[in-house]
Amino acid sequence: MPKNIAEEITEAEARARQILQDARTEGARLLAQAKAEAEDLAKGSRQSYHRTLREKVLKMEEEADKVSEKTIEKGRDDSKELVKSHKAKVDDVANWVAEEVMARYGSNKS
């Protein structure tokens, strides 16, 4: 009978070693799976953040374009107003220069 007990102990130890090995293998598999899932989540978060950031940049660029268009239009309007306000003065100076040239050098009409 001691032989059977010794065999049972040996078999129990072998089963325990196998259970331990299986547990280690399963633990390693679960750890690898958890790491892969964490990497996928991190990648998804980075992509989502990048997409959100890109959308915000595009929106800000569109707003900047609108503001620049308004600024350019205001500059054009201001320049037109400046031309209008100085047109009479420019015409007067041009007439005066023409009269002075005509008086000094005469008419080219022969």
PDB file of N, CA and C in Angstrom:
ATOM      1  N   MET A   1       0.800  -1.192   0.000  1.00  0.00           N
ATOM      2  CA  MET A   1       0.000   0.000   0.000  1.00  0.00           C
ATOM      3  C   MET A   1       0.855   1.275   0.000  1.00  0.00           C
ATOM      4  N   PRO A   2       1.984   1.321   0.652  1.00  0.00           N
ATOM      5  CA  PRO A   2       2.794   2.523   0.587  1.00  0.00           C
ATOM      6  C   PRO A   2       3.208   2.850  -0.828  1.00  0.00           C
ATOM      7  N   LYS A   3       3.332   1.827  -1.660  1.00  0.00           N
ATOM      8  CA  LYS A   3       3.693   2.096  -3.043  1.00  0.00           C
ATOM      9  C   LYS A   3       2.592   2.877  -3.731  1.00  0.00           C
ATOM     10  N   ASN A   4       1.356   2.547  -3.491  1.00  0.00           N
ATOM     11  CA  ASN A   4       0.234   3.253  -4.087  1.00  0.00           C
ATOM     12  C   ASN A   4       0.159   4.692  -3.591  1.00  0.00           C
ATOM     13  N   ILE A   5       0.432   4.889  -2.309  1.00  0.00           N
ATOM     14  CA  ILE A   5       0.409   6.239  -1.767  1.00  0.00           C
ATOM     15  C   ILE A   5       1.517   7.061  -2.411  1.00  0.00           C
ATOM     16  N   ALA A   6       2.677   6.473  -2.562  1.00  0.00           N
ATOM     17  CA  ALA A   6       3.793   7.179  -3.194  1.00  0.00           C
ATOM     18  C   ALA A   6       3.449   7.520  -4.636  1.00  0.00           C
ATOM     19  N   GLU A   7       2.816   6.576  -5.328  1.00  0.00           N
ATOM     20  CA  GLU A   7       2.411   6.841  -6.710  1.00  0.00           C
ATOM     21  C   GLU A   7       1.355   7.948  -6.755  1.00  0.00           C
ATOM     22  N   GLU A   8       0.422   7.912  -5.792  1.00  0.00           N
ATOM     23  CA  GLU A   8      -0.615   8.937  -5.743  1.00  0.00           C
ATOM     24  C   GLU A   8      -0.004  10.309  -5.483  1.00  0.00           C
ATOM     25  N   ILE A   9       0.969  10.344  -4.578  1.00  0.00           N
ATOM     26  CA  ILE A   9       1.637  11.615  -4.292  1.00  0.00           C
ATOM     27  C   ILE A   9       2.362  12.108  -5.530  1.00  0.00           C
ATOM     28  N   THR A  10       3.059  11.207  -6.221  1.00  0.00           N
ATOM     29  CA  THR A  10       3.783  11.576  -7.436  1.00  0.00           C
ATOM     30  C   THR A  10       2.809  12.073  -8.496  1.00  0.00           C
ATOM     31  N   GLU A  11       1.693  11.366  -8.647  1.00  0.00           N
ATOM     32  CA  GLU A  11       0.688  11.782  -9.622  1.00  0.00           C
ATOM     33  C   GLU A  11       0.076  13.131  -9.230  1.00  0.00           C
ATOM     34  N   ALA A  12      -0.181  13.320  -7.934  1.00  0.00           N
ATOM     35  CA  ALA A  12      -0.744  14.586  -7.461  1.00  0.00           C
ATOM     36  C   ALA A  12       0.241  15.724  -7.714  1.00  0.00           C
ATOM     37  N   GLU A  13       1.521  15.465  -7.464  1.00  0.00           N
ATOM     38  CA  GLU A  13       2.536  16.485  -7.735  1.00  0.00           C
ATOM     39  C   GLU A  13       2.595  16.808  -9.222  1.00  0.00           C
ATOM     40  N   ALA A  14       2.496  15.789 -10.071  1.00  0.00           N
ATOM     41  CA  ALA A  14       2.523  16.005 -11.522  1.00  0.00           C
ATOM     42  C   ALA A  14       1.303  16.819 -11.947  1.00  0.00           C
ATOM     43  N   ARG A  15       0.129  16.470 -11.384  1.00  0.00           N
ATOM     44  CA  ARG A  15      -1.079  17.235 -11.706  1.00  0.00           C
ATOM     45  C   ARG A  15      -0.943  18.678 -11.221  1.00  0.00           C
ATOM     46  N   ALA A  16      -0.383  18.851 -10.041  1.00  0.00           N
ATOM     47  CA  ALA A  16      -0.201  20.197  -9.493  1.00  0.00           C
ATOM     48  C   ALA A  16       0.751  21.003 -10.376  1.00  0.00           C
ATOM     49  N   ARG A  17       1.844  20.352 -10.816  1.00  0.00           N
ATOM     50  CA  ARG A  17       2.771  21.048 -11.720  1.00  0.00           C
ATOM     51  C   ARG A  17       2.075  21.417 -13.028  1.00  0.00           C
ATOM     52  N   GLN A  18       1.260  20.506 -13.540  1.00  0.00           N
ATOM     53  CA  GLN A  18       0.540  20.784 -14.785  1.00  0.00           C
ATOM     54  C   GLN A  18      -0.469  21.911 -14.581  1.00  0.00           C
ATOM     55  N   ILE A  19      -1.185  21.889 -13.460  1.00  0.00           N
ATOM     56  CA  ILE A  19      -2.142  22.959 -13.159  1.00  0.00           C
ATOM     57  C   ILE A  19      -1.408  24.288 -13.048  1.00  0.00           C
ATOM     58  N   LEU A  20      -0.264  24.278 -12.367  1.00  0.00           N
ATOM     59  CA  LEU A  20       0.533  25.492 -12.227  1.00  0.00           C
ATOM     60  C   LEU A  20       1.017  25.986 -13.588  1.00  0.00           C
ATOM     61  N   GLN A  21       1.492  25.058 -14.424  1.00  0.00           N
ATOM     62  CA  GLN A  21       1.952  25.433 -15.770  1.00  0.00           C
ATOM     63  C   GLN A  21       0.797  25.994 -16.597  1.00  0.00           C
ATOM     64  N   ASP A  22      -0.363  25.341 -16.517  1.00  0.00           N
ATOM     65  CA  ASP A  22      -1.541  25.830 -17.245  1.00  0.00           C
ATOM     66  C   ASP A  22      -1.948  27.221 -16.749  1.00  0.00           C
ATOM     67  N   ALA A  23      -1.872  27.436 -15.430  1.00  0.00           N
ATOM     68  CA  ALA A  23      -2.228  28.738 -14.860  1.00  0.00           C
ATOM     69  C   ALA A  23      -1.252  29.805 -15.340  1.00  0.00           C
ATOM     70  N   ARG A  24       0.034  29.475 -15.363  1.00  0.00           N
ATOM     71  CA  ARG A  24       1.027  30.441 -15.857  1.00  0.00           C
ATOM     72  C   ARG A  24       0.778  30.769 -17.330  1.00  0.00           C
ATOM     73  N   THR A  25       0.495  29.735 -18.111  1.00  0.00           N
ATOM     74  CA  THR A  25       0.224  29.945 -19.534  1.00  0.00           C
ATOM     75  C   THR A  25      -1.016  30.817 -19.716  1.00  0.00           C
ATOM     76  N   GLU A  26      -2.066  30.515 -18.969  1.00  0.00           N
ATOM     77  CA  GLU A  26      -3.303  31.300 -19.059  1.00  0.00           C
ATOM     78  C   GLU A  26      -3.057  32.734 -18.584  1.00  0.00           C
ATOM     79  N   GLY A  27      -2.279  32.894 -17.525  1.00  0.00           N
ATOM     80  CA  GLY A  27      -1.951  34.230 -17.030  1.00  0.00           C
ATOM     81  C   GLY A  27      -1.184  35.033 -18.071  1.00  0.00           C
ATOM     82  N   ALA A  28      -0.222  34.398 -18.725  1.00  0.00           N
ATOM     83  CA  ALA A  28       0.548  35.079 -19.770  1.00  0.00           C
ATOM     84  C   ALA A  28      -0.355  35.456 -20.941  1.00  0.00           C
ATOM     85  N   ARG A  29      -1.277  34.543 -21.290  1.00  0.00           N
ATOM     86  CA  ARG A  29      -2.198  34.827 -22.387  1.00  0.00           C
ATOM     87  C   ARG A  29      -3.112  35.999 -22.033  1.00  0.00           C
ATOM     88  N   LEU A  30      -3.647  35.993 -20.818  1.00  0.00           N
ATOM     89  CA  LEU A  30      -4.520  37.083 -20.381  1.00  0.00           C
ATOM     90  C   LEU A  30      -3.759  38.405 -20.319  1.00  0.00           C
ATOM     91  N   LEU A  31      -2.514  38.367 -19.861  1.00  0.00           N
ATOM     92  CA  LEU A  31      -1.700  39.577 -19.802  1.00  0.00           C
ATOM     93  C   LEU A  31      -1.438  40.120 -21.205  1.00  0.00           C
ATOM     94  N   ALA A  32      -1.097  39.238 -22.140  1.00  0.00           N
ATOM     95  CA  ALA A  32      -0.862  39.668 -23.523  1.00  0.00           C
ATOM     96  C   ALA A  32      -2.137  40.245 -24.130  1.00  0.00           C
ATOM     97  N   GLN A  33      -3.262  39.609 -23.844  1.00  0.00           N
ATOM     98  CA  GLN A  33      -4.540  40.099 -24.358  1.00  0.00           C
ATOM     99  C   GLN A  33      -4.861  41.474 -23.770  1.00  0.00           C
ATOM    100  N   ALA A  34      -4.638  41.651 -22.477  1.00  0.00           N
ATOM    101  CA  ALA A  34      -4.902  42.940 -21.833  1.00  0.00           C
ATOM    102  C   ALA A  34      -3.994  44.024 -22.404  1.00  0.00           C
ATOM    103  N   LYS A  35      -2.718  43.691 -22.641  1.00  0.00           N
ATOM    104  CA  LYS A  35      -1.795  44.664 -23.236  1.00  0.00           C
ATOM    105  C   LYS A  35      -2.254  45.056 -24.634  1.00  0.00           C
ATOM    106  N   ALA A  36      -2.677  44.064 -25.415  1.00  0.00           N
ATOM    107  CA  ALA A  36      -3.138  44.347 -26.776  1.00  0.00           C
ATOM    108  C   ALA A  36      -4.383  45.239 -26.743  1.00  0.00           C
ATOM    109  N   GLU A  37      -5.306  44.946 -25.833  1.00  0.00           N
ATOM    110  CA  GLU A  37      -6.509  45.774 -25.718  1.00  0.00           C
ATOM    111  C   GLU A  37      -6.157  47.191 -25.275  1.00  0.00           C
ATOM    112  N   ALA A  38      -5.215  47.306 -24.344  1.00  0.00           N
ATOM    113  CA  ALA A  38      -4.799  48.634 -23.883  1.00  0.00           C
ATOM    114  C   ALA A  38      -4.147  49.419 -25.018  1.00  0.00           C
ATOM    115  N   GLU A  39      -3.322  48.749 -25.814  1.00  0.00           N
ATOM    116  CA  GLU A  39      -2.690  49.415 -26.957  1.00  0.00           C
ATOM    117  C   GLU A  39      -3.736  49.857 -27.972  1.00  0.00           C
ATOM    118  N   ASP A  40      -4.732  49.007 -28.209  1.00  0.00           N
ATOM    119  CA  ASP A  40      -5.804  49.373 -29.141  1.00  0.00           C
ATOM    120  C   ASP A  40      -6.588  50.581 -28.626  1.00  0.00           C
ATOM    121  N   LEU A  41      -6.882  50.588 -27.329  1.00  0.00           N
ATOM    122  CA  LEU A  41      -7.592  51.728 -26.748  1.00  0.00           C
ATOM    123  C   LEU A  41      -6.757  52.999 -26.845  1.00  0.00           C
ATOM    124  N   ALA A  42      -5.466  52.877 -26.557  1.00  0.00           N
ATOM    125  CA  ALA A  42      -4.589  54.051 -26.642  1.00  0.00           C
ATOM    126  C   ALA A  42      -4.515  54.554 -28.079  1.00  0.00           C
ATOM    127  N   LYS A  43      -4.402  53.627 -29.021  1.00  0.00           N
ATOM    128  CA  LYS A  43      -4.341  54.009 -30.433  1.00  0.00           C
ATOM    129  C   LYS A  43      -5.641  54.701 -30.846  1.00  0.00           C
ATOM    130  N   GLY A  44      -6.767  54.141 -30.432  1.00  0.00           N
ATOM    131  CA  GLY A  44      -8.060  54.753 -30.749  1.00  0.00           C
ATOM    132  C   GLY A  44      -8.183  56.140 -30.143  1.00  0.00           C
ATOM    133  N   SER A  45      -7.705  56.293 -28.918  1.00  0.00           N
ATOM    134  CA  SER A  45      -7.752  57.609 -28.269  1.00  0.00           C
ATOM    135  C   SER A  45      -6.884  58.613 -29.006  1.00  0.00           C
ATOM    136  N   ARG A  46      -5.673  58.191 -29.400  1.00  0.00           N
ATOM    137  CA  ARG A  46      -4.788  59.091 -30.146  1.00  0.00           C
ATOM    138  C   ARG A  46      -5.421  59.500 -31.466  1.00  0.00           C
ATOM    139  N   GLN A  47      -6.004  58.537 -32.163  1.00  0.00           N
ATOM    140  CA  GLN A  47      -6.638  58.847 -33.443  1.00  0.00           C
ATOM    141  C   GLN A  47      -7.818  59.792 -33.248  1.00  0.00           C
ATOM    142  N   SER A  48      -8.608  59.546 -32.222  1.00  0.00           N
ATOM    143  CA  SER A  48      -9.757  60.410 -31.951  1.00  0.00           C
ATOM    144  C   SER A  48      -9.294  61.820 -31.605  1.00  0.00           C
ATOM    145  N   TYR A  49      -8.260  61.924 -30.774  1.00  0.00           N
ATOM    146  CA  TYR A  49      -7.727  63.239 -30.406  1.00  0.00           C
ATOM    147  C   TYR A  49      -7.182  63.951 -31.637  1.00  0.00           C
ATOM    148  N   HIS A  50      -6.449  63.213 -32.464  1.00  0.00           N
ATOM    149  CA  HIS A  50      -5.883  63.811 -33.676  1.00  0.00           C
ATOM    150  C   HIS A  50      -6.997  64.301 -34.602  1.00  0.00           C
ATOM    151  N   ARG A  51      -8.036  63.500 -34.758  1.00  0.00           N
ATOM    152  CA  ARG A  51      -9.159  63.876 -35.617  1.00  0.00           C
ATOM    153  C   ARG A  51      -9.849  65.127 -35.063  1.00  0.00           C
ATOM    154  N   THR A  52     -10.085  65.139 -33.751  1.00  0.00           N
ATOM    155  CA  THR A  52     -10.721  66.300 -33.122  1.00  0.00           C
ATOM    156  C   THR A  52      -9.860  67.542 -33.285  1.00  0.00           C
ATOM    157  N   LEU A  53      -8.564  67.388 -33.078  1.00  0.00           N
ATOM    158  CA  LEU A  53      -7.648  68.518 -33.221  1.00  0.00           C
ATOM    159  C   LEU A  53      -7.643  69.035 -34.655  1.00  0.00           C
ATOM    160  N   ARG A  54      -7.617  68.116 -35.622  1.00  0.00           N
ATOM    161  CA  ARG A  54      -7.627  68.515 -37.030  1.00  0.00           C
ATOM    162  C   ARG A  54      -8.917  69.265 -37.367  1.00  0.00           C
ATOM    163  N   GLU A  55     -10.053  68.792 -36.849  1.00  0.00           N
ATOM    164  CA  GLU A  55     -11.324  69.473 -37.102  1.00  0.00           C
ATOM    165  C   GLU A  55     -11.324  70.878 -36.499  1.00  0.00           C
ATOM    166  N   LYS A  56     -10.766  71.011 -35.296  1.00  0.00           N
ATOM    167  CA  LYS A  56     -10.704  72.331 -34.665  1.00  0.00           C
ATOM    168  C   LYS A  56      -9.809  73.270 -35.460  1.00  0.00           C
ATOM    169  N   VAL A  57      -8.681  72.751 -35.945  1.00  0.00           N
ATOM    170  CA  VAL A  57      -7.768  73.582 -36.743  1.00  0.00           C
ATOM    171  C   VAL A  57      -8.458  74.035 -38.024  1.00  0.00           C
ATOM    172  N   LEU A  58      -9.160  73.128 -38.689  1.00  0.00           N
ATOM    173  CA  LEU A  58      -9.876  73.493 -39.912  1.00  0.00           C
ATOM    174  C   LEU A  58     -10.936  74.555 -39.628  1.00  0.00           C
ATOM    175  N   LYS A  59     -11.649  74.402 -38.514  1.00  0.00           N
ATOM    176  CA  LYS A  59     -12.678  75.381 -38.154  1.00  0.00           C
ATOM    177  C   LYS A  59     -12.039  76.743 -37.889  1.00  0.00           C
ATOM    178  N   MET A  60     -10.918  76.749 -37.181  1.00  0.00           N
ATOM    179  CA  MET A  60     -10.236  78.013 -36.898  1.00  0.00           C
ATOM    180  C   MET A  60      -9.706  78.648 -38.180  1.00  0.00           C
ATOM    181  N   GLU A  61      -9.214  77.823 -39.114  1.00  0.00           N
ATOM    182  CA  GLU A  61      -8.743  78.356 -40.394  1.00  0.00           C
ATOM    183  C   GLU A  61      -9.891  78.990 -41.170  1.00  0.00           C
ATOM    184  N   GLU A  62     -11.057  78.338 -41.152  1.00  0.00           N
ATOM    185  CA  GLU A  62     -12.220  78.901 -41.838  1.00  0.00           C
ATOM    186  C   GLU A  62     -12.619  80.236 -41.211  1.00  0.00           C
ATOM    187  N   GLU A  63     -12.610  80.294 -39.889  1.00  0.00           N
ATOM    188  CA  GLU A  63     -12.953  81.546 -39.210  1.00  0.00           C
ATOM    189  C   GLU A  63     -11.929  82.631 -39.535  1.00  0.00           C
ATOM    190  N   ALA A  64     -10.654  82.248 -39.578  1.00  0.00           N
ATOM    191  CA  ALA A  64      -9.604  83.216 -39.913  1.00  0.00           C
ATOM    192  C   ALA A  64      -9.778  83.716 -41.345  1.00  0.00           C
ATOM    193  N   ASP A  65     -10.167  82.819 -42.257  1.00  0.00           N
ATOM    194  CA  ASP A  65     -10.417  83.235 -43.640  1.00  0.00           C
ATOM    195  C   ASP A  65     -11.552  84.257 -43.703  1.00  0.00           C
ATOM    196  N   LYS A  66     -12.612  84.008 -42.936  1.00  0.00           N
ATOM    197  CA  LYS A  66     -13.742  84.943 -42.928  1.00  0.00           C
ATOM    198  C   LYS A  66     -13.311  86.306 -42.394  1.00  0.00           C
ATOM    199  N   VAL A  67     -12.541  86.286 -41.321  1.00  0.00           N
ATOM    200  CA  VAL A  67     -12.073  87.549 -40.733  1.00  0.00           C
ATOM    201  C   VAL A  67     -11.159  88.274 -41.709  1.00  0.00           C
ATOM    202  N   SER A  68     -10.270  87.528 -42.367  1.00  0.00           N
ATOM    203  CA  SER A  68      -9.352  88.178 -43.311  1.00  0.00           C
ATOM    204  C   SER A  68     -10.112  88.746 -44.505  1.00  0.00           C
ATOM    205  N   GLU A  69     -11.148  88.041 -44.960  1.00  0.00           N
ATOM    206  CA  GLU A  69     -11.955  88.570 -46.065  1.00  0.00           C
ATOM    207  C   GLU A  69     -12.632  89.878 -45.655  1.00  0.00           C
ATOM    208  N   LYS A  70     -13.151  89.920 -44.431  1.00  0.00           N
ATOM    209  CA  LYS A  70     -13.788  91.149 -43.944  1.00  0.00           C
ATOM    210  C   LYS A  70     -12.759  92.272 -43.839  1.00  0.00           C
ATOM    211  N   THR A  71     -11.565  91.943 -43.365  1.00  0.00           N
ATOM    212  CA  THR A  71     -10.512  92.951 -43.226  1.00  0.00           C
ATOM    213  C   THR A  71     -10.085  93.482 -44.588  1.00  0.00           C
ATOM    214  N   ILE A  72      -9.940  92.584 -45.551  1.00  0.00           N
ATOM    215  CA  ILE A  72      -9.559  92.998 -46.909  1.00  0.00           C
ATOM    216  C   ILE A  72     -10.645  93.882 -47.510  1.00  0.00           C
ATOM    217  N   GLU A  73     -11.889  93.485 -47.343  1.00  0.00           N
ATOM    218  CA  GLU A  73     -13.002  94.278 -47.879  1.00  0.00           C
ATOM    219  C   GLU A  73     -13.045  95.658 -47.227  1.00  0.00           C
ATOM    220  N   LYS A  74     -12.815  95.712 -45.920  1.00  0.00           N
ATOM    221  CA  LYS A  74     -12.790  97.004 -45.228  1.00  0.00           C
ATOM    222  C   LYS A  74     -11.642  97.860 -45.758  1.00  0.00           C
ATOM    223  N   GLY A  75     -10.486  97.245 -45.999  1.00  0.00           N
ATOM    224  CA  GLY A  75      -9.353  97.982 -46.563  1.00  0.00           C
ATOM    225  C   GLY A  75      -9.669  98.534 -47.940  1.00  0.00           C
ATOM    226  N   ARG A  76     -10.346  97.747 -48.748  1.00  0.00           N
ATOM    227  CA  ARG A  76     -10.741  98.223 -50.083  1.00  0.00           C
ATOM    228  C   ARG A  76     -11.705  99.404 -49.972  1.00  0.00           C
ATOM    229  N   ASP A  77     -12.681  99.257 -49.084  1.00  0.00           N
ATOM    230  CA  ASP A  77     -13.644 100.352 -48.894  1.00  0.00           C
ATOM    231  C   ASP A  77     -12.939 101.610 -48.400  1.00  0.00           C
ATOM    232  N   ASP A  78     -12.019 101.447 -47.452  1.00  0.00           N
ATOM    233  CA  ASP A  78     -11.279 102.605 -46.935  1.00  0.00           C
ATOM    234  C   ASP A  78     -10.453 103.264 -48.029  1.00  0.00           C
ATOM    235  N   SER A  79      -9.823 102.444 -48.882  1.00  0.00           N
ATOM    236  CA  SER A  79      -9.008 103.025 -49.958  1.00  0.00           C
ATOM    237  C   SER A  79      -9.886 103.759 -50.973  1.00  0.00           C
ATOM    238  N   LYS A  80     -11.075 103.229 -51.248  1.00  0.00           N
ATOM    239  CA  LYS A  80     -11.994 103.920 -52.158  1.00  0.00           C
ATOM    240  C   LYS A  80     -12.431 105.256 -51.562  1.00  0.00           C
ATOM    241  N   GLU A  81     -12.711 105.253 -50.271  1.00  0.00           N
ATOM    242  CA  GLU A  81     -13.100 106.496 -49.602  1.00  0.00           C
ATOM    243  C   GLU A  81     -11.957 107.508 -49.637  1.00  0.00           C
ATOM    244  N   LEU A  82     -10.737 107.039 -49.440  1.00  0.00           N
ATOM    245  CA  LEU A  82      -9.584 107.934 -49.483  1.00  0.00           C
ATOM    246  C   LEU A  82      -9.423 108.543 -50.867  1.00  0.00           C
ATOM    247  N   VAL A  83      -9.578 107.705 -51.898  1.00  0.00           N
ATOM    248  CA  VAL A  83      -9.480 108.211 -53.273  1.00  0.00           C
ATOM    249  C   VAL A  83     -10.574 109.246 -53.520  1.00  0.00           C
ATOM    250  N   LYS A  84     -11.797 108.943 -53.080  1.00  0.00           N
ATOM    251  CA  LYS A  84     -12.905 109.888 -53.284  1.00  0.00           C
ATOM    252  C   LYS A  84     -12.643 111.203 -52.557  1.00  0.00           C
ATOM    253  N   SER A  85     -12.141 111.103 -51.322  1.00  0.00           N
ATOM    254  CA  SER A  85     -11.946 112.323 -50.539  1.00  0.00           C
ATOM    255  C   SER A  85     -10.809 113.182 -51.084  1.00  0.00           C
ATOM    256  N   HIS A  86      -9.839 112.592 -51.769  1.00  0.00           N
ATOM    257  CA  HIS A  86      -8.707 113.356 -52.294  1.00  0.00           C
ATOM    258  C   HIS A  86      -8.793 113.607 -53.796  1.00  0.00           C
ATOM    259  N   LYS A  87      -9.844 113.113 -54.423  1.00  0.00           N
ATOM    260  CA  LYS A  87      -9.964 113.254 -55.876  1.00  0.00           C
ATOM    261  C   LYS A  87      -9.994 114.719 -56.296  1.00  0.00           C
ATOM    262  N   ALA A  88     -10.756 115.512 -55.605  1.00  0.00           N
ATOM    263  CA  ALA A  88     -10.855 116.936 -55.963  1.00  0.00           C
ATOM    264  C   ALA A  88      -9.496 117.612 -55.829  1.00  0.00           C
ATOM    265  N   LYS A  89      -8.769 117.299 -54.770  1.00  0.00           N
ATOM    266  CA  LYS A  89      -7.446 117.888 -54.574  1.00  0.00           C
ATOM    267  C   LYS A  89      -6.484 117.455 -55.674  1.00  0.00           C
ATOM    268  N   VAL A  90      -6.536 116.188 -56.019  1.00  0.00           N
ATOM    269  CA  VAL A  90      -5.658 115.667 -57.076  1.00  0.00           C
ATOM    270  C   VAL A  90      -5.997 116.325 -58.405  1.00  0.00           C
ATOM    271  N   ASP A  91      -7.294 116.467 -58.691  1.00  0.00           N
ATOM    272  CA  ASP A  91      -7.704 117.124 -59.939  1.00  0.00           C
ATOM    273  C   ASP A  91      -7.231 118.577 -59.971  1.00  0.00           C
ATOM    274  N   ASP A  92      -7.364 119.278 -58.834  1.00  0.00           N
ATOM    275  CA  ASP A  92      -6.904 120.672 -58.766  1.00  0.00           C
ATOM    276  C   ASP A  92      -5.401 120.772 -59.005  1.00  0.00           C
ATOM    277  N   VAL A  93      -4.638 119.883 -58.377  1.00  0.00           N
ATOM    278  CA  VAL A  93      -3.177 119.900 -58.550  1.00  0.00           C
ATOM    279  C   VAL A  93      -2.818 119.553 -59.987  1.00  0.00           C
ATOM    280  N   ALA A  94      -3.510 118.593 -60.579  1.00  0.00           N
ATOM    281  CA  ALA A  94      -3.231 118.218 -61.967  1.00  0.00           C
ATOM    282  C   ALA A  94      -3.512 119.388 -62.901  1.00  0.00           C
ATOM    283  N   ASN A  95      -4.620 120.084 -62.681  1.00  0.00           N
ATOM    284  CA  ASN A  95      -4.933 121.260 -63.504  1.00  0.00           C
ATOM    285  C   ASN A  95      -3.879 122.351 -63.327  1.00  0.00           C
ATOM    286  N   TRP A  96      -3.482 122.587 -62.094  1.00  0.00           N
ATOM    287  CA  TRP A  96      -2.472 123.604 -61.824  1.00  0.00           C
ATOM    288  C   TRP A  96      -1.155 123.265 -62.513  1.00  0.00           C
ATOM    289  N   VAL A  97      -0.730 121.973 -62.418  1.00  0.00           N
ATOM    290  CA  VAL A  97       0.513 121.544 -63.075  1.00  0.00           C
ATOM    291  C   VAL A  97       0.388 121.730 -64.579  1.00  0.00           C
ATOM    292  N   ALA A  98      -0.753 121.358 -65.130  1.00  0.00           N
ATOM    293  CA  ALA A  98      -0.955 121.508 -66.574  1.00  0.00           C
ATOM    294  C   ALA A  98      -0.894 122.974 -66.972  1.00  0.00           C
ATOM    295  N   GLU A  99      -1.512 123.851 -66.192  1.00  0.00           N
ATOM    296  CA  GLU A  99      -1.476 125.283 -66.500  1.00  0.00           C
ATOM    297  C   GLU A  99      -0.054 125.831 -66.417  1.00  0.00           C
ATOM    298  N   GLU A 100       0.689 125.402 -65.409  1.00  0.00           N
ATOM    299  CA  GLU A 100       2.072 125.863 -65.259  1.00  0.00           C
ATOM    300  C   GLU A 100       2.942 125.399 -66.423  1.00  0.00           C
ATOM    301  N   VAL A 101       2.765 124.146 -66.815  1.00  0.00           N
ATOM    302  CA  VAL A 101       3.546 123.621 -67.943  1.00  0.00           C
ATOM    303  C   VAL A 101       3.180 124.379 -69.213  1.00  0.00           C
ATOM    304  N   MET A 102       1.885 124.609 -69.407  1.00  0.00           N
ATOM    305  CA  MET A 102       1.436 125.326 -70.605  1.00  0.00           C
ATOM    306  C   MET A 102       1.971 126.762 -70.593  1.00  0.00           C
ATOM    307  N   ALA A 103       1.947 127.369 -69.402  1.00  0.00           N
ATOM    308  CA  ALA A 103       2.421 128.751 -69.314  1.00  0.00           C
ATOM    309  C   ALA A 103       3.930 128.827 -69.557  1.00  0.00           C
ATOM    310  N   ARG A 104       4.653 127.889 -69.046  1.00  0.00           N
ATOM    311  CA  ARG A 104       6.099 127.938 -69.163  1.00  0.00           C
ATOM    312  C   ARG A 104       6.576 127.479 -70.535  1.00  0.00           C
ATOM    313  N   TYR A 105       6.030 126.390 -71.040  1.00  0.00           N
ATOM    314  CA  TYR A 105       6.546 125.813 -72.279  1.00  0.00           C
ATOM    315  C   TYR A 105       5.624 126.030 -73.470  1.00  0.00           C
ATOM    316  N   GLY A 106       4.475 126.493 -73.222  1.00  0.00           N
ATOM    317  CA  GLY A 106       3.563 126.774 -74.314  1.00  0.00           C
ATOM    318  C   GLY A 106       2.823 125.544 -74.781  1.00  0.00           C
ATOM    319  N   SER A 107       1.923 125.787 -75.681  1.00  0.00           N
ATOM    320  CA  SER A 107       1.115 124.712 -76.225  1.00  0.00           C
ATOM    321  C   SER A 107       1.881 124.020 -77.328  1.00  0.00           C
ATOM    322  N   ASN A 108       1.666 122.774 -77.505  1.00  0.00           N
ATOM    323  CA  ASN A 108       2.330 121.998 -78.545  1.00  0.00           C
ATOM    324  C   ASN A 108       1.542 122.064 -79.843  1.00  0.00           C
ATOM    325  N   LYS A 109       0.433 122.785 -79.828  1.00  0.00           N
ATOM    326  CA  LYS A 109      -0.399 122.885 -81.028  1.00  0.00           C
ATOM    327  C   LYS A 109       0.265 123.841 -82.000  1.00  0.00           C
ATOM    328  N   SER A 110       0.376 123.449 -83.216  1.00  0.00           N
ATOM    329  CA  SER A 110       1.013 124.321 -84.209  1.00  0.00           C
ATOM    330  C   SER A 110       0.069 124.687 -85.298  1.00  0.00           C
TER     331      SER A 110
END
